Amino acid sequence: MSKSVSALRNNPLQGQSLAIAVPLLVNELCQSARITSDCSVELPETLPDDITLALFRIVQEAITNVVKHSQATTVQVKLGAKPSRVYLQVLDNGQGFDPSKNTTGFGLRGMRERAIALSGTCQIWSAPDAGCRISVILPLPAAIDHPA
């Protein structure tokens, strides 16, 4: 627990781009829980710092939830960009849950709040025995160069 709190306080990216930091994070968390992971990241060279940090923290929380609660055997993370937005999807094959009954968790609420603070959206789809899908879309400033 203290390791997690320390990681939250420190600069989580340690100077790395999301394209490097996110796959390392996903692999580290999933490997320790024996969860097979598939992580795809296709982003512009640079993103605004607030978007970068929010996406990293949302991935961190989503994968932590998968490891702690889902009993999943696989998780897929896709992070990419379109001309006007960046998108994130986290999908697991775990036991799922009823999102309408999960009202006490700070993690899911925190993911939503991070997205909303950046004028984005965070949607969570799940049902018992049906895994979980988290989809985040954040708008990008117009001056960002996107991968071809």
N, C-alpha and C. Protein backbone atom coordinates (compact mmCIF):
# COMPACT_ATOMS: atom_id res chain seq x y z
N MET A 1 0.82 -1.19 0.00
CA MET A 1 0.00 0.00 0.00
C MET A 1 0.87 1.26 0.00
N SER A 2 1.91 1.26 0.82
CA SER A 2 2.76 2.44 0.86
C SER A 2 3.48 2.66 -0.47
N LYS A 3 3.79 1.58 -1.18
CA LYS A 3 4.40 1.69 -2.51
C LYS A 3 3.46 2.39 -3.48
N SER A 4 2.16 2.06 -3.41
CA SER A 4 1.17 2.70 -4.28
C SER A 4 1.02 4.17 -3.95
N VAL A 5 0.97 4.51 -2.67
CA VAL A 5 0.83 5.90 -2.26
C VAL A 5 2.06 6.69 -2.69
N SER A 6 3.23 6.11 -2.53
CA SER A 6 4.46 6.78 -2.95
C SER A 6 4.45 7.02 -4.45
N ALA A 7 3.99 6.05 -5.21
CA ALA A 7 3.93 6.19 -6.67
C ALA A 7 2.97 7.30 -7.08
N LEU A 8 1.91 7.49 -6.32
CA LEU A 8 0.95 8.54 -6.63
C LEU A 8 1.55 9.93 -6.40
N ARG A 9 2.43 10.03 -5.43
CA ARG A 9 3.02 11.33 -5.10
C ARG A 9 4.15 11.69 -6.05
N ASN A 10 4.91 10.72 -6.48
CA ASN A 10 6.06 10.97 -7.34
C ASN A 10 5.62 11.24 -8.77
N ASN A 11 6.55 11.77 -9.57
CA ASN A 11 6.29 11.95 -10.99
C ASN A 11 6.19 10.56 -11.60
N PRO A 12 5.00 10.15 -12.00
CA PRO A 12 4.82 8.76 -12.42
C PRO A 12 5.50 8.42 -13.74
N LEU A 13 5.68 9.37 -14.61
CA LEU A 13 6.27 9.08 -15.91
C LEU A 13 7.79 9.14 -15.91
N GLN A 14 8.35 9.81 -14.93
CA GLN A 14 9.80 9.94 -14.79
C GLN A 14 10.46 10.30 -16.12
N GLY A 15 9.87 11.28 -16.81
CA GLY A 15 10.44 11.76 -18.05
C GLY A 15 10.15 10.91 -19.28
N GLN A 16 9.42 9.82 -19.13
CA GLN A 16 9.12 8.95 -20.26
C GLN A 16 7.84 9.41 -20.96
N SER A 17 7.75 9.08 -22.25
CA SER A 17 6.51 9.34 -22.98
C SER A 17 5.46 8.31 -22.58
N LEU A 18 4.20 8.60 -22.87
CA LEU A 18 3.14 7.62 -22.61
C LEU A 18 3.37 6.35 -23.41
N ALA A 19 3.90 6.48 -24.61
CA ALA A 19 4.14 5.32 -25.47
C ALA A 19 5.10 4.32 -24.83
N ILE A 20 5.96 4.80 -23.95
CA ILE A 20 6.88 3.92 -23.23
C ILE A 20 6.33 3.56 -21.86
N ALA A 21 5.82 4.57 -21.14
CA ALA A 21 5.40 4.37 -19.75
C ALA A 21 4.18 3.47 -19.60
N VAL A 22 3.19 3.62 -20.49
CA VAL A 22 1.95 2.84 -20.33
C VAL A 22 2.20 1.34 -20.53
N PRO A 23 2.87 0.90 -21.60
CA PRO A 23 3.13 -0.55 -21.72
C PRO A 23 3.95 -1.11 -20.56
N LEU A 24 4.92 -0.33 -20.07
CA LEU A 24 5.70 -0.79 -18.92
C LEU A 24 4.82 -0.97 -17.68
N LEU A 25 3.95 0.01 -17.44
CA LEU A 25 3.03 -0.05 -16.30
C LEU A 25 2.09 -1.25 -16.41
N VAL A 26 1.46 -1.39 -17.57
CA VAL A 26 0.50 -2.49 -17.78
C VAL A 26 1.20 -3.82 -17.60
N ASN A 27 2.38 -3.98 -18.20
CA ASN A 27 3.11 -5.24 -18.09
C ASN A 27 3.49 -5.54 -16.64
N GLU A 28 3.98 -4.53 -15.93
CA GLU A 28 4.39 -4.73 -14.54
C GLU A 28 3.23 -5.16 -13.66
N LEU A 29 2.10 -4.45 -13.75
CA LEU A 29 0.96 -4.78 -12.91
C LEU A 29 0.33 -6.12 -13.27
N CYS A 30 0.23 -6.40 -14.56
CA CYS A 30 -0.41 -7.64 -15.00
C CYS A 30 0.47 -8.86 -14.75
N GLN A 31 1.77 -8.69 -14.97
CA GLN A 31 2.68 -9.81 -14.79
C GLN A 31 2.66 -10.32 -13.34
N SER A 32 2.62 -9.39 -12.39
CA SER A 32 2.62 -9.79 -10.98
C SER A 32 1.34 -10.54 -10.61
N ALA A 33 0.26 -10.31 -11.37
CA ALA A 33 -1.02 -10.98 -11.09
C ALA A 33 -1.29 -12.14 -12.05
N ARG A 34 -0.31 -12.45 -12.89
CA ARG A 34 -0.44 -13.53 -13.88
C ARG A 34 -1.62 -13.30 -14.83
N ILE A 35 -1.77 -12.04 -15.25
CA ILE A 35 -2.79 -11.66 -16.22
C ILE A 35 -2.09 -11.38 -17.54
N THR A 36 -2.57 -12.00 -18.61
CA THR A 36 -2.01 -11.75 -19.94
C THR A 36 -2.47 -10.38 -20.41
N SER A 37 -1.52 -9.56 -20.89
CA SER A 37 -1.88 -8.21 -21.33
C SER A 37 -1.50 -7.99 -22.78
N ASP A 38 -2.30 -7.15 -23.43
CA ASP A 38 -2.05 -6.70 -24.79
C ASP A 38 -2.20 -5.20 -24.76
N CYS A 39 -1.11 -4.48 -25.04
CA CYS A 39 -1.12 -3.03 -24.93
C CYS A 39 -0.67 -2.41 -26.24
N SER A 40 -1.51 -1.54 -26.78
CA SER A 40 -1.23 -0.86 -28.03
C SER A 40 -1.29 0.65 -27.80
N VAL A 41 -0.21 1.36 -28.14
CA VAL A 41 -0.16 2.81 -27.96
C VAL A 41 0.30 3.46 -29.25
N GLU A 42 -0.54 4.31 -29.82
CA GLU A 42 -0.19 5.08 -31.02
C GLU A 42 -0.61 6.52 -30.77
N LEU A 43 0.37 7.33 -30.35
CA LEU A 43 0.10 8.71 -29.96
C LEU A 43 1.05 9.67 -30.66
N PRO A 44 0.67 10.96 -30.71
CA PRO A 44 1.60 11.98 -31.21
C PRO A 44 2.84 12.01 -30.33
N GLU A 45 3.91 12.57 -30.87
CA GLU A 45 5.17 12.68 -30.11
C GLU A 45 4.96 13.39 -28.77
N THR A 46 4.21 14.47 -28.80
CA THR A 46 3.99 15.22 -27.56
C THR A 46 2.50 15.47 -27.35
N LEU A 47 2.13 15.41 -26.11
CA LEU A 47 0.78 15.74 -25.67
C LEU A 47 0.90 16.74 -24.54
N PRO A 48 -0.12 17.54 -24.30
CA PRO A 48 -0.08 18.44 -23.14
C PRO A 48 0.12 17.63 -21.86
N ASP A 49 0.87 18.22 -20.92
CA ASP A 49 1.19 17.52 -19.67
C ASP A 49 -0.04 17.08 -18.90
N ASP A 50 -1.10 17.91 -18.87
CA ASP A 50 -2.29 17.55 -18.11
C ASP A 50 -2.98 16.32 -18.72
N ILE A 51 -2.99 16.23 -20.03
CA ILE A 51 -3.58 15.06 -20.70
C ILE A 51 -2.72 13.83 -20.47
N THR A 52 -1.42 13.98 -20.57
CA THR A 52 -0.49 12.86 -20.36
C THR A 52 -0.65 12.28 -18.96
N LEU A 53 -0.65 13.15 -17.96
CA LEU A 53 -0.77 12.68 -16.57
C LEU A 53 -2.13 12.03 -16.33
N ALA A 54 -3.19 12.64 -16.83
CA ALA A 54 -4.54 12.08 -16.63
C ALA A 54 -4.64 10.69 -17.26
N LEU A 55 -4.16 10.53 -18.48
CA LEU A 55 -4.23 9.22 -19.14
C LEU A 55 -3.41 8.18 -18.38
N PHE A 56 -2.22 8.55 -17.93
CA PHE A 56 -1.41 7.61 -17.18
C PHE A 56 -2.13 7.17 -15.90
N ARG A 57 -2.67 8.14 -15.18
CA ARG A 57 -3.36 7.81 -13.92
C ARG A 57 -4.63 6.97 -14.16
N ILE A 58 -5.34 7.24 -15.24
CA ILE A 58 -6.54 6.45 -15.54
C ILE A 58 -6.15 5.02 -15.87
N VAL A 59 -5.10 4.83 -16.68
CA VAL A 59 -4.63 3.48 -16.98
C VAL A 59 -4.20 2.79 -15.69
N GLN A 60 -3.46 3.50 -14.86
CA GLN A 60 -2.98 2.94 -13.59
C GLN A 60 -4.14 2.46 -12.73
N GLU A 61 -5.16 3.28 -12.60
CA GLU A 61 -6.32 2.91 -11.78
C GLU A 61 -7.10 1.76 -12.40
N ALA A 62 -7.29 1.82 -13.72
CA ALA A 62 -8.05 0.76 -14.39
C ALA A 62 -7.36 -0.59 -14.24
N ILE A 63 -6.06 -0.64 -14.46
CA ILE A 63 -5.34 -1.91 -14.35
C ILE A 63 -5.26 -2.37 -12.90
N THR A 64 -5.11 -1.44 -11.98
CA THR A 64 -5.12 -1.81 -10.56
C THR A 64 -6.45 -2.45 -10.19
N ASN A 65 -7.56 -1.91 -10.70
CA ASN A 65 -8.88 -2.50 -10.45
C ASN A 65 -8.99 -3.89 -11.05
N VAL A 66 -8.46 -4.07 -12.26
CA VAL A 66 -8.48 -5.39 -12.90
C VAL A 66 -7.74 -6.39 -12.01
N VAL A 67 -6.55 -6.01 -11.57
CA VAL A 67 -5.73 -6.90 -10.76
C VAL A 67 -6.41 -7.22 -9.42
N LYS A 68 -6.95 -6.22 -8.77
CA LYS A 68 -7.53 -6.40 -7.43
C LYS A 68 -8.89 -7.09 -7.42
N HIS A 69 -9.73 -6.78 -8.40
CA HIS A 69 -11.14 -7.14 -8.27
C HIS A 69 -11.71 -8.07 -9.34
N SER A 70 -11.12 -8.11 -10.53
CA SER A 70 -11.82 -8.71 -11.66
C SER A 70 -11.69 -10.22 -11.80
N GLN A 71 -10.61 -10.78 -11.28
CA GLN A 71 -10.29 -12.19 -11.52
C GLN A 71 -10.14 -12.47 -13.01
N ALA A 72 -9.70 -11.45 -13.76
CA ALA A 72 -9.49 -11.59 -15.20
C ALA A 72 -8.24 -12.42 -15.49
N THR A 73 -8.22 -13.01 -16.68
CA THR A 73 -7.02 -13.69 -17.15
C THR A 73 -6.36 -12.91 -18.28
N THR A 74 -7.11 -12.00 -18.90
CA THR A 74 -6.55 -11.15 -19.96
C THR A 74 -7.08 -9.73 -19.83
N VAL A 75 -6.24 -8.79 -20.26
CA VAL A 75 -6.65 -7.39 -20.32
C VAL A 75 -6.03 -6.78 -21.57
N GLN A 76 -6.79 -5.91 -22.20
CA GLN A 76 -6.34 -5.24 -23.41
C GLN A 76 -6.41 -3.73 -23.18
N VAL A 77 -5.33 -3.04 -23.53
CA VAL A 77 -5.28 -1.59 -23.39
C VAL A 77 -4.95 -1.00 -24.76
N LYS A 78 -5.78 -0.08 -25.22
CA LYS A 78 -5.55 0.62 -26.48
C LYS A 78 -5.56 2.11 -26.19
N LEU A 79 -4.50 2.78 -26.61
CA LEU A 79 -4.37 4.21 -26.41
C LEU A 79 -3.96 4.81 -27.75
N GLY A 80 -4.76 5.74 -28.28
CA GLY A 80 -4.47 6.30 -29.59
C GLY A 80 -5.03 7.69 -29.73
N ALA A 81 -4.83 8.26 -30.91
CA ALA A 81 -5.28 9.63 -31.16
C ALA A 81 -5.90 9.75 -32.54
N LYS A 82 -6.88 10.59 -32.62
CA LYS A 82 -7.49 11.05 -33.87
C LYS A 82 -7.14 12.53 -33.97
N PRO A 83 -7.47 13.20 -35.08
CA PRO A 83 -7.09 14.61 -35.20
C PRO A 83 -7.53 15.52 -34.05
N SER A 84 -8.67 15.27 -33.46
CA SER A 84 -9.16 16.19 -32.44
C SER A 84 -9.27 15.58 -31.04
N ARG A 85 -8.86 14.32 -30.89
CA ARG A 85 -9.04 13.69 -29.58
C ARG A 85 -8.06 12.54 -29.37
N VAL A 86 -7.90 12.20 -28.12
CA VAL A 86 -7.14 11.03 -27.74
C VAL A 86 -8.13 10.08 -27.07
N TYR A 87 -7.94 8.78 -27.31
CA TYR A 87 -8.87 7.82 -26.75
C TYR A 87 -8.11 6.70 -26.04
N LEU A 88 -8.76 6.15 -25.04
CA LEU A 88 -8.22 5.05 -24.26
C LEU A 88 -9.33 4.03 -24.08
N GLN A 89 -8.97 2.76 -24.26
CA GLN A 89 -9.92 1.69 -23.96
C GLN A 89 -9.18 0.62 -23.16
N VAL A 90 -9.79 0.20 -22.07
CA VAL A 90 -9.28 -0.90 -21.25
C VAL A 90 -10.39 -1.94 -21.17
N LEU A 91 -10.08 -3.15 -21.59
CA LEU A 91 -11.06 -4.23 -21.69
C LEU A 91 -10.52 -5.46 -20.98
N ASP A 92 -11.30 -6.04 -20.08
CA ASP A 92 -10.86 -7.27 -19.42
C ASP A 92 -11.94 -8.35 -19.54
N ASN A 93 -11.53 -9.59 -19.30
CA ASN A 93 -12.45 -10.73 -19.38
C ASN A 93 -12.82 -11.24 -17.98
N GLY A 94 -12.81 -10.36 -17.02
CA GLY A 94 -13.05 -10.76 -15.64
C GLY A 94 -14.51 -10.99 -15.29
N GLN A 95 -14.76 -11.05 -13.99
CA GLN A 95 -16.09 -11.40 -13.49
C GLN A 95 -17.10 -10.28 -13.65
N GLY A 96 -16.64 -9.08 -13.95
CA GLY A 96 -17.57 -7.97 -14.16
C GLY A 96 -18.26 -7.56 -12.87
N PHE A 97 -19.12 -6.55 -13.00
CA PHE A 97 -19.86 -6.03 -11.86
C PHE A 97 -21.00 -5.17 -12.39
N ASP A 98 -21.86 -4.75 -11.52
CA ASP A 98 -22.95 -3.86 -11.90
C ASP A 98 -22.52 -2.44 -11.58
N PRO A 99 -22.18 -1.63 -12.61
CA PRO A 99 -21.68 -0.27 -12.34
C PRO A 99 -22.65 0.59 -11.55
N SER A 100 -23.95 0.35 -11.67
CA SER A 100 -24.92 1.17 -10.94
C SER A 100 -24.88 0.89 -9.45
N LYS A 101 -24.34 -0.27 -9.06
CA LYS A 101 -24.27 -0.61 -7.63
C LYS A 101 -22.90 -0.31 -7.05
N ASN A 102 -21.94 0.10 -7.89
CA ASN A 102 -20.60 0.42 -7.41
C ASN A 102 -20.53 1.92 -7.18
N THR A 103 -21.01 2.36 -6.03
CA THR A 103 -21.07 3.80 -5.74
C THR A 103 -20.05 4.24 -4.70
N THR A 104 -19.31 3.32 -4.12
CA THR A 104 -18.38 3.69 -3.06
C THR A 104 -16.95 3.77 -3.54
N GLY A 105 -16.65 3.27 -4.72
CA GLY A 105 -15.27 3.22 -5.19
C GLY A 105 -14.74 4.57 -5.61
N PHE A 106 -13.60 4.94 -5.05
CA PHE A 106 -12.96 6.19 -5.43
C PHE A 106 -12.26 6.05 -6.78
N GLY A 107 -11.86 4.84 -7.12
CA GLY A 107 -11.12 4.63 -8.37
C GLY A 107 -11.93 4.96 -9.60
N LEU A 108 -13.12 4.39 -9.72
CA LEU A 108 -13.96 4.66 -10.88
C LEU A 108 -14.36 6.13 -10.92
N ARG A 109 -14.70 6.67 -9.78
CA ARG A 109 -15.09 8.09 -9.71
C ARG A 109 -13.90 8.97 -10.09
N GLY A 110 -12.71 8.61 -9.62
CA GLY A 110 -11.51 9.38 -9.94
C GLY A 110 -11.21 9.38 -11.43
N MET A 111 -11.41 8.23 -12.09
CA MET A 111 -11.20 8.17 -13.54
C MET A 111 -12.16 9.12 -14.25
N ARG A 112 -13.41 9.08 -13.85
CA ARG A 112 -14.42 9.97 -14.46
C ARG A 112 -14.07 11.43 -14.21
N GLU A 113 -13.69 11.75 -12.98
CA GLU A 113 -13.38 13.14 -12.64
C GLU A 113 -12.18 13.65 -13.42
N ARG A 114 -11.16 12.81 -13.63
CA ARG A 114 -10.00 13.22 -14.41
C ARG A 114 -10.41 13.54 -15.85
N ALA A 115 -11.24 12.69 -16.43
CA ALA A 115 -11.69 12.90 -17.81
C ALA A 115 -12.54 14.17 -17.90
N ILE A 116 -13.48 14.34 -17.01
CA ILE A 116 -14.37 15.51 -17.03
C ILE A 116 -13.57 16.80 -16.83
N ALA A 117 -12.56 16.77 -15.97
CA ALA A 117 -11.74 17.96 -15.73
C ALA A 117 -11.05 18.45 -17.00
N LEU A 118 -10.87 17.55 -17.98
CA LEU A 118 -10.23 17.90 -19.24
C LEU A 118 -11.25 17.97 -20.38
N SER A 119 -12.52 18.17 -20.01
CA SER A 119 -13.64 18.27 -20.98
C SER A 119 -13.84 16.99 -21.77
N GLY A 120 -13.48 15.86 -21.16
CA GLY A 120 -13.63 14.57 -21.83
C GLY A 120 -14.72 13.73 -21.22
N THR A 121 -14.74 12.48 -21.64
CA THR A 121 -15.72 11.53 -21.13
C THR A 121 -15.03 10.25 -20.66
N CYS A 122 -15.65 9.59 -19.71
CA CYS A 122 -15.20 8.28 -19.24
C CYS A 122 -16.45 7.44 -19.06
N GLN A 123 -16.56 6.38 -19.87
CA GLN A 123 -17.72 5.49 -19.77
C GLN A 123 -17.25 4.11 -19.34
N ILE A 124 -18.07 3.48 -18.52
CA ILE A 124 -17.74 2.17 -17.98
C ILE A 124 -18.90 1.23 -18.26
N TRP A 125 -18.60 0.15 -18.98
CA TRP A 125 -19.60 -0.87 -19.27
C TRP A 125 -19.15 -2.16 -18.60
N SER A 126 -20.07 -2.77 -17.86
CA SER A 126 -19.78 -4.04 -17.22
C SER A 126 -21.10 -4.67 -16.79
N ALA A 127 -21.03 -5.95 -16.57
CA ALA A 127 -22.16 -6.71 -16.01
C ALA A 127 -21.56 -7.95 -15.37
N PRO A 128 -22.26 -8.52 -14.38
CA PRO A 128 -21.74 -9.74 -13.77
C PRO A 128 -21.45 -10.81 -14.84
N ASP A 129 -20.29 -11.42 -14.71
CA ASP A 129 -19.80 -12.47 -15.62
C ASP A 129 -19.56 -11.98 -17.05
N ALA A 130 -19.41 -10.67 -17.25
CA ALA A 130 -19.24 -10.13 -18.60
C ALA A 130 -18.01 -9.23 -18.76
N GLY A 131 -17.08 -9.28 -17.81
CA GLY A 131 -15.90 -8.43 -17.92
C GLY A 131 -16.24 -6.96 -17.76
N CYS A 132 -15.29 -6.12 -18.18
CA CYS A 132 -15.48 -4.68 -18.03
C CYS A 132 -14.77 -3.98 -19.19
N ARG A 133 -15.38 -2.89 -19.66
CA ARG A 133 -14.76 -2.05 -20.68
C ARG A 133 -14.84 -0.61 -20.20
N ILE A 134 -13.69 0.05 -20.19
CA ILE A 134 -13.59 1.45 -19.82
C ILE A 134 -13.15 2.21 -21.06
N SER A 135 -13.88 3.25 -21.41
CA SER A 135 -13.58 4.05 -22.60
C SER A 135 -13.46 5.51 -22.20
N VAL A 136 -12.32 6.10 -22.53
CA VAL A 136 -12.06 7.50 -22.20
C VAL A 136 -11.75 8.24 -23.49
N ILE A 137 -12.37 9.40 -23.67
CA ILE A 137 -12.08 10.26 -24.82
C ILE A 137 -11.80 11.65 -24.28
N LEU A 138 -10.64 12.20 -24.67
CA LEU A 138 -10.26 13.54 -24.26
C LEU A 138 -10.00 14.39 -25.50
N PRO A 139 -10.50 15.63 -25.53
CA PRO A 139 -10.23 16.49 -26.67
C PRO A 139 -8.76 16.93 -26.68
N LEU A 140 -8.23 17.13 -27.89
CA LEU A 140 -6.85 17.59 -28.05
C LEU A 140 -6.83 19.01 -28.60
N PRO A 141 -5.83 19.78 -28.21
CA PRO A 141 -5.66 21.09 -28.83
C PRO A 141 -5.40 20.91 -30.33
N ALA A 142 -5.78 21.87 -31.12
CA ALA A 142 -5.70 21.77 -32.58
C ALA A 142 -4.27 21.68 -33.11
N ALA A 143 -3.27 22.12 -32.38
CA ALA A 143 -1.91 22.20 -32.90
C ALA A 143 -1.10 20.92 -32.73
N ILE A 144 -1.70 19.82 -32.33
CA ILE A 144 -0.97 18.57 -32.11
C ILE A 144 -0.75 17.86 -33.43
N ASP A 145 0.49 17.39 -33.68
CA ASP A 145 0.77 16.57 -34.86
C ASP A 145 0.47 15.11 -34.52
N HIS A 146 -0.28 14.44 -35.38
CA HIS A 146 -0.71 13.07 -35.12
C HIS A 146 0.10 12.08 -35.94
N PRO A 147 0.23 10.84 -35.44
CA PRO A 147 0.95 9.84 -36.22
C PRO A 147 0.19 9.54 -37.51
N ALA A 148 0.93 9.19 -38.51
CA ALA A 148 0.31 8.91 -39.83
C ALA A 148 -0.45 7.62 -39.83
